[in-house]
PDB file of N, CA and C in Angstrom:
ATOM      1  N   MET A   1      63.029  51.267  24.645  1.00  0.00           N
ATOM      2  CA  MET A   1      62.136  51.629  24.359  1.00  0.00           C
ATOM      3  C   MET A   1      61.842  51.089  22.794  1.00  0.00           C
ATOM      4  N   CYS A   2      62.208  52.022  21.443  1.00  0.00           N
ATOM      5  CA  CYS A   2      62.217  50.786  20.827  1.00  0.00           C
ATOM      6  C   CYS A   2      63.049  50.390  19.938  1.00  0.00           C
ATOM      7  N   SER A   3      63.311  49.485  18.715  1.00  0.00           N
ATOM      8  CA  SER A   3      64.698  48.105  18.325  1.00  0.00           C
ATOM      9  C   SER A   3      65.513  50.016  17.861  1.00  0.00           C
ATOM     10  N   GLY A   4      64.879  50.846  17.340  1.00  0.00           N
ATOM     11  CA  GLY A   4      65.850  51.281  16.810  1.00  0.00           C
ATOM     12  C   GLY A   4      67.135  52.402  17.390  1.00  0.00           C
ATOM     13  N   VAL A   5      65.773  52.727  19.114  1.00  0.00           N
ATOM     14  CA  VAL A   5      67.527  53.349  19.880  1.00  0.00           C
ATOM     15  C   VAL A   5      67.864  51.700  20.116  1.00  0.00           C
ATOM     16  N   ARG A   6      67.618  50.968  20.264  1.00  0.00           N
ATOM     17  CA  ARG A   6      68.292  49.204  21.400  1.00  0.00           C
ATOM     18  C   ARG A   6      69.331  49.667  19.869  1.00  0.00           C
ATOM     19  N   ILE A   7      68.979  49.304  18.942  1.00  0.00           N
ATOM     20  CA  ILE A   7      70.388  49.462  17.978  1.00  0.00           C
ATOM     21  C   ILE A   7      71.353  50.588  17.928  1.00  0.00           C
ATOM     22  N   CYS A   8      70.681  52.141  18.072  1.00  0.00           N
ATOM     23  CA  CYS A   8      71.357  53.308  18.321  1.00  0.00           C
ATOM     24  C   CYS A   8      72.243  52.669  19.107  1.00  0.00           C
ATOM     25  N   ASN A   9      71.840  52.014  20.925  1.00  0.00           N
ATOM     26  CA  ASN A   9      72.670  52.429  21.871  1.00  0.00           C
ATOM     27  C   ASN A   9      73.614  50.897  21.621  1.00  0.00           C
ATOM     28  N   THR A  10      73.408  49.971  21.195  1.00  0.00           N
ATOM     29  CA  THR A  10      74.252  49.059  20.663  1.00  0.00           C
ATOM     30  C   THR A  10      75.799  49.477  19.461  1.00  0.00           C
ATOM     31  N   TYR A  11      74.940  50.537  18.834  1.00  0.00           N
ATOM     32  CA  TYR A  11      76.184  50.947  17.611  1.00  0.00           C
ATOM     33  C   TYR A  11      76.966  51.585  18.557  1.00  0.00           C
ATOM     34  N   GLN A  12      76.565  52.602  19.191  1.00  0.00           N
ATOM     35  CA  GLN A  12      76.938  53.335  19.767  1.00  0.00           C
ATOM     36  C   GLN A  12      78.097  52.828  20.723  1.00  0.00           C
ATOM     37  N   THR A  13      77.577  51.541  21.314  1.00  0.00           N
ATOM     38  CA  THR A  13      78.513  51.110  22.805  1.00  0.00           C
ATOM     39  C   THR A  13      79.868  50.124  21.966  1.00  0.00           C
ATOM     40  N   PHE A  14      79.673  49.674  21.213  1.00  0.00           N
ATOM     41  CA  PHE A  14      79.886  49.126  20.118  1.00  0.00           C
ATOM     42  C   PHE A  14      81.634  50.543  19.555  1.00  0.00           C
ATOM     43  N   ALA A  15      81.041  51.336  18.863  1.00  0.00           N
ATOM     44  CA  ALA A  15      81.868  52.168  18.391  1.00  0.00           C
ATOM     45  C   ALA A  15      82.956  52.892  19.561  1.00  0.00           C
ATOM     46  N   SER A  16      82.290  53.434  21.232  1.00  0.00           N
ATOM     47  CA  SER A  16      82.774  54.049  21.308  1.00  0.00           C
ATOM     48  C   SER A  16      84.165  53.183  22.198  1.00  0.00           C
ATOM     49  N   GLN A  17      84.034  51.901  21.778  1.00  0.00           N
ATOM     50  CA  GLN A  17      84.994  51.042  23.213  1.00  0.00           C
ATOM     51  C   GLN A  17      86.073  51.195  21.259  1.00  0.00           C
ATOM     52  N   ASN A  18      85.585  50.950  20.371  1.00  0.00           N
ATOM     53  CA  ASN A  18      86.258  50.691  18.756  1.00  0.00           C
ATOM     54  C   ASN A  18      87.012  51.968  18.700  1.00  0.00           C
ATOM     55  N   PHE A  19      86.209  53.107  18.425  1.00  0.00           N
ATOM     56  CA  PHE A  19      86.522  54.145  17.543  1.00  0.00           C
ATOM     57  C   PHE A  19      86.833  55.293  18.761  1.00  0.00           C
ATOM     58  N   GLY A  20      86.694  55.438  19.700  1.00  0.00           N
ATOM     59  CA  GLY A  20      87.281  56.193  20.421  1.00  0.00           C
ATOM     60  C   GLY A  20      85.674  57.284  21.140  1.00  0.00           C
ATOM     61  N   ARG A  21      85.458  58.592  21.448  1.00  0.00           N
ATOM     62  CA  ARG A  21      84.121  59.144  22.241  1.00  0.00           C
ATOM     63  C   ARG A  21      83.363  59.109  20.927  1.00  0.00           C
ATOM     64  N   LEU A  22      81.787  58.813  20.925  1.00  0.00           N
ATOM     65  CA  LEU A  22      80.677  58.822  20.183  1.00  0.00           C
ATOM     66  C   LEU A  22      79.405  59.384  21.030  1.00  0.00           C
ATOM     67  N   THR A  23      79.426  61.089  20.834  1.00  0.00           N
ATOM     68  CA  THR A  23      78.387  62.292  21.117  1.00  0.00           C
ATOM     69  C   THR A  23      77.512  62.123  21.084  1.00  0.00           C
ATOM     70  N   SER A  24      76.125  61.324  20.035  1.00  0.00           N
ATOM     71  CA  SER A  24      74.905  61.454  19.945  1.00  0.00           C
ATOM     72  C   SER A  24      74.591  60.200  19.126  1.00  0.00           C
ATOM     73  N   SER A  25      73.337  60.181  19.897  1.00  0.00           N
ATOM     74  CA  SER A  25      71.939  58.957  19.628  1.00  0.00           C
ATOM     75  C   SER A  25      71.360  59.441  18.386  1.00  0.00           C
ATOM     76  N   ASN A  26      70.734  58.635  17.604  1.00  0.00           N
ATOM     77  CA  ASN A  26      69.491  59.488  16.110  1.00  0.00           C
ATOM     78  C   ASN A  26      68.366  58.850  16.712  1.00  0.00           C
ATOM     79  N   MET A  27      67.272  59.795  16.511  1.00  0.00           N
ATOM     80  CA  MET A  27      65.843  59.354  16.783  1.00  0.00           C
ATOM     81  C   MET A  27      65.169  58.792  15.472  1.00  0.00           C
ATOM     82  N   THR A  28      65.102  57.969  15.430  1.00  0.00           N
ATOM     83  CA  THR A  28      64.963  57.357  13.133  1.00  0.00           C
ATOM     84  C   THR A  28      63.563  57.732  13.397  1.00  0.00           C
ATOM     85  N   LYS A  29      63.050  57.413  12.008  1.00  0.00           N
ATOM     86  CA  LYS A  29      61.822  57.932  11.626  1.00  0.00           C
ATOM     87  C   LYS A  29      60.611  56.351  12.449  1.00  0.00           C
ATOM     88  N   GLU A  30      61.327  55.342  12.761  1.00  0.00           N
ATOM     89  CA  GLU A  30      60.169  54.258  13.014  1.00  0.00           C
ATOM     90  C   GLU A  30      60.387  54.406  14.507  1.00  0.00           C
ATOM     91  N   CYS A  31      60.758  55.043  15.131  1.00  0.00           N
ATOM     92  CA  CYS A  31      60.993  54.990  16.862  1.00  0.00           C
ATOM     93  C   CYS A  31      60.567  56.450  16.551  1.00  0.00           C
ATOM     94  N   LEU A  32      60.420  57.388  15.968  1.00  0.00           N
ATOM     95  CA  LEU A  32      59.208  58.882  16.136  1.00  0.00           C
ATOM     96  C   LEU A  32      57.884  58.102  16.081  1.00  0.00           C
ATOM     97  N   ILE A  33      57.703  56.977  15.310  1.00  0.00           N
ATOM     98  CA  ILE A  33      56.374  56.464  14.602  1.00  0.00           C
ATOM     99  C   ILE A  33      55.730  55.832  16.041  1.00  0.00           C
ATOM    100  N   GLU A  34      56.900  54.946  16.632  1.00  0.00           N
ATOM    101  CA  GLU A  34      56.318  53.803  17.781  1.00  0.00           C
ATOM    102  C   GLU A  34      56.017  54.939  19.466  1.00  0.00           C
ATOM    103  N   THR A  35      56.791  55.845  19.123  1.00  0.00           N
ATOM    104  CA  THR A  35      56.751  57.288  20.056  1.00  0.00           C
ATOM    105  C   THR A  35      55.261  57.899  20.248  1.00  0.00           C
ATOM    106  N   VAL A  36      55.028  57.881  19.047  1.00  0.00           N
ATOM    107  CA  VAL A  36      53.786  58.897  18.672  1.00  0.00           C
ATOM    108  C   VAL A  36      52.875  57.388  19.085  1.00  0.00           C
ATOM    109  N   ALA A  37      52.610  56.236  18.579  1.00  0.00           N
ATOM    110  CA  ALA A  37      51.821  55.127  18.828  1.00  0.00           C
ATOM    111  C   ALA A  37      51.255  55.210  20.113  1.00  0.00           C
ATOM    112  N   LYS A  38      52.171  55.399  20.999  1.00  0.00           N
ATOM    113  CA  LYS A  38      52.508  54.717  22.472  1.00  0.00           C
ATOM    114  C   LYS A  38      51.871  55.851  23.099  1.00  0.00           C
ATOM    115  N   LYS A  39      52.115  56.893  22.770  1.00  0.00           N
ATOM    116  CA  LYS A  39      51.577  58.205  23.789  1.00  0.00           C
ATOM    117  C   LYS A  39      50.125  58.593  23.154  1.00  0.00           C
ATOM    118  N   THR A  40      49.434  58.451  22.140  1.00  0.00           N
ATOM    119  CA  THR A  40      48.373  58.720  21.112  1.00  0.00           C
ATOM    120  C   THR A  40      47.720  57.815  21.931  1.00  0.00           C
ATOM    121  N   GLY A  41      47.784  56.152  22.173  1.00  0.00           N
ATOM    122  CA  GLY A  41      47.458  55.329  22.228  1.00  0.00           C
ATOM    123  C   GLY A  41      46.814  54.404  20.739  1.00  0.00           C
ATOM    124  N   CYS A  42      47.131  55.281  19.175  1.00  0.00           N
ATOM    125  CA  CYS A  42      46.553  54.317  18.942  1.00  0.00           C
ATOM    126  C   CYS A  42      48.085  53.320  17.671  1.00  0.00           C
ATOM    127  N   SER A  43      47.347  52.453  16.835  1.00  0.00           N
ATOM    128  CA  SER A  43      48.104  51.935  16.158  1.00  0.00           C
ATOM    129  C   SER A  43      49.558  51.825  15.708  1.00  0.00           C
ATOM    130  N   LYS A  44      50.701  50.935  15.422  1.00  0.00           N
ATOM    131  CA  LYS A  44      52.047  51.869  14.682  1.00  0.00           C
ATOM    132  C   LYS A  44      51.220  52.349  13.161  1.00  0.00           C
ATOM    133  N   SER A  45      50.639  51.266  12.901  1.00  0.00           N
ATOM    134  CA  SER A  45      50.116  52.081  10.877  1.00  0.00           C
ATOM    135  C   SER A  45      49.193  52.945  10.755  1.00  0.00           C
ATOM    136  N   ALA A  46      48.757  53.668  12.235  1.00  0.00           N
ATOM    137  CA  ALA A  46      47.901  54.613  12.277  1.00  0.00           C
ATOM    138  C   ALA A  46      49.477  56.329  12.130  1.00  0.00           C
ATOM    139  N   ALA A  47      49.397  55.532  13.228  1.00  0.00           N
ATOM    140  CA  ALA A  47      51.146  56.526  13.770  1.00  0.00           C
ATOM    141  C   ALA A  47      51.590  57.104  12.558  1.00  0.00           C
ATOM    142  N   ALA A  48      51.796  55.563  11.844  1.00  0.00           N
ATOM    143  CA  ALA A  48      53.166  55.966  10.313  1.00  0.00           C
ATOM    144  C   ALA A  48      52.243  56.716   9.596  1.00  0.00           C
ATOM    145  N   ASP A  49      51.059  56.214   8.966  1.00  0.00           N
ATOM    146  CA  ASP A  49      50.323  57.357   7.858  1.00  0.00           C
ATOM    147  C   ASP A  49      50.082  58.803   8.762  1.00  0.00           C
ATOM    148  N   TYR A  50      49.866  58.737   9.700  1.00  0.00           N
ATOM    149  CA  TYR A  50      50.212  60.496   9.902  1.00  0.00           C
ATOM    150  C   TYR A  50      51.095  60.987   9.864  1.00  0.00           C
ATOM    151  N   LEU A  51      52.312  60.430  10.251  1.00  0.00           N
ATOM    152  CA  LEU A  51      53.517  60.896   9.970  1.00  0.00           C
ATOM    153  C   LEU A  51      53.804  61.120   8.494  1.00  0.00           C
ATOM    154  N   ASN A  52      53.232  60.232   7.834  1.00  0.00           N
ATOM    155  CA  ASN A  52      54.218  60.361   6.351  1.00  0.00           C
ATOM    156  C   ASN A  52      53.063  61.337   5.773  1.00  0.00           C
ATOM    157  N   THR A  53      51.831  61.445   5.880  1.00  0.00           N
ATOM    158  CA  THR A  53      51.220  62.336   5.663  1.00  0.00           C
ATOM    159  C   THR A  53      51.545  63.383   6.085  1.00  0.00           C
ATOM    160  N   ILE A  54      51.666  64.045   6.991  1.00  0.00           N
ATOM    161  CA  ILE A  54      52.636  65.059   7.852  1.00  0.00           C
ATOM    162  C   ILE A  54      53.724  65.733   6.870  1.00  0.00           C
ATOM    163  N   LEU A  55      54.599  64.615   6.485  1.00  0.00           N
ATOM    164  CA  LEU A  55      55.838  64.807   6.087  1.00  0.00           C
ATOM    165  C   LEU A  55      55.654  65.207   4.654  1.00  0.00           C
ATOM    166  N   ASP A  56      54.453  64.386   3.786  1.00  0.00           N
ATOM    167  CA  ASP A  56      54.365  64.263   2.137  1.00  0.00           C
ATOM    168  C   ASP A  56      53.598  66.279   2.244  1.00  0.00           C
ATOM    169  N   GLU A  57      53.045  66.126   3.349  1.00  0.00           N
ATOM    170  CA  GLU A  57      51.802  67.595   3.054  1.00  0.00           C
ATOM    171  C   GLU A  57      53.341  68.863   2.510  1.00  0.00           C
ATOM    172  N   ILE A  58      54.620  68.795   3.730  1.00  0.00           N
ATOM    173  CA  ILE A  58      55.458  69.574   4.199  1.00  0.00           C
ATOM    174  C   ILE A  58      56.055  69.492   2.588  1.00  0.00           C
ATOM    175  N   GLY A  59      56.484  68.592   2.524  1.00  0.00           N
ATOM    176  CA  GLY A  59      57.298  68.217   1.385  1.00  0.00           C
ATOM    177  C   GLY A  59      56.244  68.743  -0.311  1.00  0.00           C
ATOM    178  N   LYS A  60      55.529  68.601   0.273  1.00  0.00           N
ATOM    179  CA  LYS A  60      54.438  69.683  -1.747  1.00  0.00           C
ATOM    180  C   LYS A  60      54.992  71.012  -1.325  1.00  0.00           C
ATOM    181  N   ASP A  61      54.566  71.587  -0.604  1.00  0.00           N
ATOM    182  CA  ASP A  61      54.097  72.768  -0.152  1.00  0.00           C
ATOM    183  C   ASP A  61      55.735  73.441  -0.237  1.00  0.00           C
ATOM    184  N   LEU A  62      56.611  73.159   0.055  1.00  0.00           N
ATOM    185  CA  LEU A  62      57.652  73.329  -0.307  1.00  0.00           C
ATOM    186  C   LEU A  62      58.540  73.553  -1.317  1.00  0.00           C
ATOM    187  N   ALA A  63      57.996  72.226  -2.292  1.00  0.00           N
ATOM    188  CA  ALA A  63      58.465  72.052  -3.705  1.00  0.00           C
ATOM    189  C   ALA A  63      56.952  72.996  -4.728  1.00  0.00           C
ATOM    190  N   LYS A  64      56.398  73.448  -3.691  1.00  0.00           N
ATOM    191  CA  LYS A  64      55.301  74.900  -4.054  1.00  0.00           C
ATOM    192  C   LYS A  64      56.531  76.253  -3.941  1.00  0.00           C
ATOM    193  N   GLY A  65      57.389  76.133  -2.912  1.00  0.00           N
ATOM    194  CA  GLY A  65      57.964  77.477  -2.964  1.00  0.00           C
ATOM    195  C   GLY A  65      57.060  77.963  -1.581  1.00  0.00           C
ATOM    196  N   GLU A  66      56.395  77.594  -0.824  1.00  0.00           N
ATOM    197  CA  GLU A  66      55.761  77.491   0.275  1.00  0.00           C
ATOM    198  C   GLU A  66      56.251  77.606   1.859  1.00  0.00           C
ATOM    199  N   LYS A  67      56.108  78.575   1.864  1.00  0.00           N
ATOM    200  CA  LYS A  67      56.632  78.461   3.900  1.00  0.00           C
ATOM    201  C   LYS A  67      55.199  78.003   5.149  1.00  0.00           C
ATOM    202  N   ILE A  68      56.371  76.763   5.619  1.00  0.00           N
ATOM    203  CA  ILE A  68      55.005  76.092   7.009  1.00  0.00           C
ATOM    204  C   ILE A  68      55.922  76.561   8.030  1.00  0.00           C
ATOM    205  N   THR A  69      55.217  77.031   9.099  1.00  0.00           N
ATOM    206  CA  THR A  69      55.146  77.881  10.059  1.00  0.00           C
ATOM    207  C   THR A  69      54.759  77.021  10.855  1.00  0.00           C
ATOM    208  N   LEU A  70      55.217  75.915  12.188  1.00  0.00           N
ATOM    209  CA  LEU A  70      54.797  75.144  13.072  1.00  0.00           C
ATOM    210  C   LEU A  70      54.930  76.158  14.344  1.00  0.00           C
ATOM    211  N   THR A  71      54.050  77.412  14.974  1.00  0.00           N
ATOM    212  CA  THR A  71      53.999  78.177  16.375  1.00  0.00           C
ATOM    213  C   THR A  71      55.291  77.298  17.249  1.00  0.00           C
ATOM    214  N   GLY A  72      55.860  78.073  17.659  1.00  0.00           N
ATOM    215  CA  GLY A  72      57.150  77.523  18.857  1.00  0.00           C
ATOM    216  C   GLY A  72      58.064  75.976  18.071  1.00  0.00           C
ATOM    217  N   PHE A  73      57.556  75.456  17.125  1.00  0.00           N
ATOM    218  CA  PHE A  73      58.685  74.137  16.478  1.00  0.00           C
ATOM    219  C   PHE A  73      59.595  74.910  15.448  1.00  0.00           C
ATOM    220  N   GLY A  74      58.864  75.373  14.325  1.00  0.00           N
ATOM    221  CA  GLY A  74      59.775  76.279  13.824  1.00  0.00           C
ATOM    222  C   GLY A  74      59.157  75.720  12.112  1.00  0.00           C
ATOM    223  N   THR A  75      60.428  76.902  11.335  1.00  0.00           N
ATOM    224  CA  THR A  75      59.190  77.001  10.191  1.00  0.00           C
ATOM    225  C   THR A  75      60.379  76.292   8.629  1.00  0.00           C
ATOM    226  N   PHE A  76      59.942  75.784   8.395  1.00  0.00           N
ATOM    227  CA  PHE A  76      60.168  75.488   6.660  1.00  0.00           C
ATOM    228  C   PHE A  76      60.712  76.387   5.616  1.00  0.00           C
ATOM    229  N   SER A  77      61.378  76.803   5.031  1.00  0.00           N
ATOM    230  CA  SER A  77      60.926  77.449   3.505  1.00  0.00           C
ATOM    231  C   SER A  77      61.910  76.431   2.664  1.00  0.00           C
ATOM    232  N   VAL A  78      62.037  77.422   2.020  1.00  0.00           N
ATOM    233  CA  VAL A  78      63.302  77.234   0.229  1.00  0.00           C
ATOM    234  C   VAL A  78      64.085  78.162   0.341  1.00  0.00           C
ATOM    235  N   SER A  79      65.284  77.834  -0.334  1.00  0.00           N
ATOM    236  CA  SER A  79      66.381  78.907  -0.247  1.00  0.00           C
ATOM    237  C   SER A  79      66.870  78.172  -1.923  1.00  0.00           C
ATOM    238  N   LYS A  80      67.042  79.708  -2.369  1.00  0.00           N
ATOM    239  CA  LYS A  80      67.931  79.636  -4.010  1.00  0.00           C
ATOM    240  C   LYS A  80      69.102  79.559  -3.815  1.00  0.00           C
ATOM    241  N   ARG A  81      69.736  79.097  -4.133  1.00  0.00           N
ATOM    242  CA  ARG A  81      71.379  79.459  -4.733  1.00  0.00           C
ATOM    243  C   ARG A  81      71.917  79.655  -5.581  1.00  0.00           C
ATOM    244  N   LYS A  82      72.521  80.604  -5.697  1.00  0.00           N
ATOM    245  CA  LYS A  82      72.699  80.880  -7.435  1.00  0.00           C
ATOM    246  C   LYS A  82      73.449  79.878  -7.729  1.00  0.00           C
ATOM    247  N   ALA A  83      73.893  80.041  -9.158  1.00  0.00           N
ATOM    248  CA  ALA A  83      75.010  78.978  -9.851  1.00  0.00           C
ATOM    249  C   ALA A  83      76.920  79.900  -9.465  1.00  0.00           C
ATOM    250  N   ARG A  84      77.210  78.700  -9.059  1.00  0.00           N
ATOM    251  CA  ARG A  84      78.538  79.559  -9.137  1.00  0.00           C
ATOM    252  C   ARG A  84      79.813  78.628  -9.836  1.00  0.00           C
ATOM    253  N   THR A  85      81.041  79.335  -9.489  1.00  0.00           N
ATOM    254  CA  THR A  85      81.929  77.653  -9.928  1.00  0.00           C
ATOM    255  C   THR A  85      82.618  77.610  -8.213  1.00  0.00           C
ATOM    256  N   GLY A  86      83.274  76.254  -8.593  1.00  0.00           N
ATOM    257  CA  GLY A  86      83.850  75.682  -7.583  1.00  0.00           C
ATOM    258  C   GLY A  86      85.183  75.398  -8.312  1.00  0.00           C
ATOM    259  N   ARG A  87      85.358  74.186  -7.231  1.00  0.00           N
ATOM    260  CA  ARG A  87      87.046  73.545  -7.893  1.00  0.00           C
ATOM    261  C   ARG A  87      86.834  72.119  -7.349  1.00  0.00           C
ATOM    262  N   ASN A  88      87.174  71.299  -8.066  1.00  0.00           N
ATOM    263  CA  ASN A  88      87.081  69.667  -7.960  1.00  0.00           C
ATOM    264  C   ASN A  88      88.490  69.586  -6.755  1.00  0.00           C
ATOM    265  N   PRO A  89      88.472  69.373  -6.001  1.00  0.00           N
ATOM    266  CA  PRO A  89      89.618  68.779  -5.208  1.00  0.00           C
ATOM    267  C   PRO A  89      90.058  67.880  -5.080  1.00  0.00           C
ATOM    268  N   LYS A  90      89.943  66.614  -6.079  1.00  0.00           N
ATOM    269  CA  LYS A  90      91.019  65.652  -6.425  1.00  0.00           C
ATOM    270  C   LYS A  90      92.017  66.124  -7.296  1.00  0.00           C
ATOM    271  N   THR A  91      91.167  67.116  -8.669  1.00  0.00           N
ATOM    272  CA  THR A  91      92.539  67.499  -9.985  1.00  0.00           C
ATOM    273  C   THR A  91      92.444  68.899  -9.402  1.00  0.00           C
ATOM    274  N   GLY A  92      91.457  69.597  -8.911  1.00  0.00           N
ATOM    275  CA  GLY A  92      92.198  71.325  -9.265  1.00  0.00           C
ATOM    276  C   GLY A  92      91.196  71.766  -9.815  1.00  0.00           C
ATOM    277  N   ALA A  93      90.378  71.236 -11.308  1.00  0.00           N
ATOM    278  CA  ALA A  93      89.770  71.383 -12.146  1.00  0.00           C
ATOM    279  C   ALA A  93      88.816  72.662 -11.710  1.00  0.00           C
ATOM    280  N   THR A  94      88.532  73.746 -12.661  1.00  0.00           N
ATOM    281  CA  THR A  94      87.012  74.395 -11.932  1.00  0.00           C
ATOM    282  C   THR A  94      86.103  73.753 -12.660  1.00  0.00           C
ATOM    283  N   ILE A  95      85.593  74.028 -12.031  1.00  0.00           N
ATOM    284  CA  ILE A  95      83.487  73.774 -12.398  1.00  0.00           C
ATOM    285  C   ILE A  95      82.704  74.483 -12.030  1.00  0.00           C
ATOM    286  N   LYS A  96      81.658  74.164 -13.004  1.00  0.00           N
ATOM    287  CA  LYS A  96      80.560  74.905 -12.396  1.00  0.00           C
ATOM    288  C   LYS A  96      79.238  74.574 -11.754  1.00  0.00           C
ATOM    289  N   ILE A  97      78.911  75.215 -10.919  1.00  0.00           N
ATOM    290  CA  ILE A  97      77.909  74.078  -9.796  1.00  0.00           C
ATOM    291  C   ILE A  97      76.508  75.161 -10.186  1.00  0.00           C
ATOM    292  N   PRO A  98      75.647  74.277 -10.848  1.00  0.00           N
ATOM    293  CA  PRO A  98      74.241  74.708 -11.193  1.00  0.00           C
ATOM    294  C   PRO A  98      73.360  75.786 -10.012  1.00  0.00           C
ATOM    295  N   ALA A  99      72.906  76.425 -10.669  1.00  0.00           N
ATOM    296  CA  ALA A  99      71.991  77.152  -9.164  1.00  0.00           C
ATOM    297  C   ALA A  99      70.701  75.988  -8.763  1.00  0.00           C
ATOM    298  N   LYS A 100      70.094  76.102  -7.748  1.00  0.00           N
ATOM    299  CA  LYS A 100      69.814  74.948  -7.271  1.00  0.00           C
ATOM    300  C   LYS A 100      68.562  75.418  -6.015  1.00  0.00           C
ATOM    301  N   THR A 101      67.618  75.063  -5.879  1.00  0.00           N
ATOM    302  CA  THR A 101      66.610  75.461  -4.700  1.00  0.00           C
ATOM    303  C   THR A 101      66.473  74.462  -3.772  1.00  0.00           C
ATOM    304  N   VAL A 102      67.487  74.685  -2.584  1.00  0.00           N
ATOM    305  CA  VAL A 102      67.073  73.964  -1.145  1.00  0.00           C
ATOM    306  C   VAL A 102      66.149  74.530  -0.045  1.00  0.00           C
ATOM    307  N   PRO A 103      66.017  72.637   0.677  1.00  0.00           N
ATOM    308  CA  PRO A 103      64.958  73.081   1.697  1.00  0.00           C
ATOM    309  C   PRO A 103      66.047  73.910   2.921  1.00  0.00           C
ATOM    310  N   LYS A 104      64.879  74.408   3.592  1.00  0.00           N
ATOM    311  CA  LYS A 104      65.351  75.520   4.587  1.00  0.00           C
ATOM    312  C   LYS A 104      64.722  75.350   6.113  1.00  0.00           C
ATOM    313  N   PHE A 105      65.686  74.983   7.223  1.00  0.00           N
ATOM    314  CA  PHE A 105      64.873  74.807   8.778  1.00  0.00           C
ATOM    315  C   PHE A 105      65.302  75.256   9.460  1.00  0.00           C
ATOM    316  N   LYS A 106      64.505  76.681   9.651  1.00  0.00           N
ATOM    317  CA  LYS A 106      64.801  77.704  11.137  1.00  0.00           C
ATOM    318  C   LYS A 106      64.234  76.679  12.454  1.00  0.00           C
ATOM    319  N   ALA A 107      64.845  76.479  14.099  1.00  0.00           N
ATOM    320  CA  ALA A 107      64.174  76.236  14.352  1.00  0.00           C
ATOM    321  C   ALA A 107      63.351  77.617  15.411  1.00  0.00           C
ATOM    322  N   GLY A 108      62.369  77.717  16.010  1.00  0.00           N
ATOM    323  CA  GLY A 108      61.454  78.303  16.630  1.00  0.00           C
ATOM    324  C   GLY A 108      61.667  78.514  18.664  1.00  0.00           C
ATOM    325  N   LYS A 109      61.873  79.537  19.168  1.00  0.00           N
ATOM    326  CA  LYS A 109      61.472  79.984  20.478  1.00  0.00           C
ATOM    327  C   LYS A 109      62.019  78.820  20.959  1.00  0.00           C
ATOM    328  N   ALA A 110      60.346  78.659  21.417  1.00  0.00           N
ATOM    329  CA  ALA A 110      60.112  76.894  22.166  1.00  0.00           C
ATOM    330  C   ALA A 110      61.044  75.440  21.803  1.00  0.00           C
ATOM    331  N   LEU A 111      61.507  75.731  20.409  1.00  0.00           N
ATOM    332  CA  LEU A 111      62.184  74.301  20.533  1.00  0.00           C
ATOM    333  C   LEU A 111      63.823  74.907  20.956  1.00  0.00           C
ATOM    334  N   LYS A 112      64.099  75.958  20.974  1.00  0.00           N
ATOM    335  CA  LYS A 112      65.558  76.397  21.104  1.00  0.00           C
ATOM    336  C   LYS A 112      65.631  76.319  22.652  1.00  0.00           C
ATOM    337  N   ASP A 113      64.818  76.922  23.062  1.00  0.00           N
ATOM    338  CA  ASP A 113      64.823  76.405  25.079  1.00  0.00           C
ATOM    339  C   ASP A 113      64.659  74.783  25.277  1.00  0.00           C
ATOM    340  N   THR A 114      64.057  74.421  24.505  1.00  0.00           N
ATOM    341  CA  THR A 114      64.039  73.119  25.239  1.00  0.00           C
ATOM    342  C   THR A 114      64.982  72.079  24.867  1.00  0.00           C
ATOM    343  N   VAL A 115      66.375  72.222  23.564  1.00  0.00           N
ATOM    344  CA  VAL A 115      67.286  71.907  23.381  1.00  0.00           C
ATOM    345  C   VAL A 115      68.040  72.580  24.070  1.00  0.00           C
ATOM    346  N   LYS A 116      68.486  73.909  25.115  1.00  0.00           N
ATOM    347  CA  LYS A 116      69.170  74.367  25.710  1.00  0.00           C
ATOM    348  C   LYS A 116      69.855  73.254  27.005  1.00  0.00           C
TER     349      LYS A 116
END
C-alpha cells in the first residue's frame, strides 16, 4: 500500500513490542491521495488537488456557518460553545474560558453501517 501505511505498521510493531497493546493504525492524507489516484487512474498531484479543493471548500463553508451534508457519509457543521469558567489543573486557579465556534461531524447511516 502507501508508504504512510508502511510507516504506521512499522511504528505499530515497534510500539506494540515496546509499549504493550496498540489497537489502531491511521489513514493519512498522503495515503488517501494515493488511494484516490490508484482507484481513479489519475496522477497523485491531480488527486491531491481534488482532495485539497474539497477540504478547502468544506472549511470555507464551515467558516461561514453553513452545514455540509454528504449523503450516506455524514454532516459537517459548526457548534458554538458558550464562555465558561474552568480550573487550571496545575494551580487550581479559576480561569475564564472564552466562547468559541468549533467544527462538528455527525456520521451518516451508511458510514455507521460500514464501520460496524
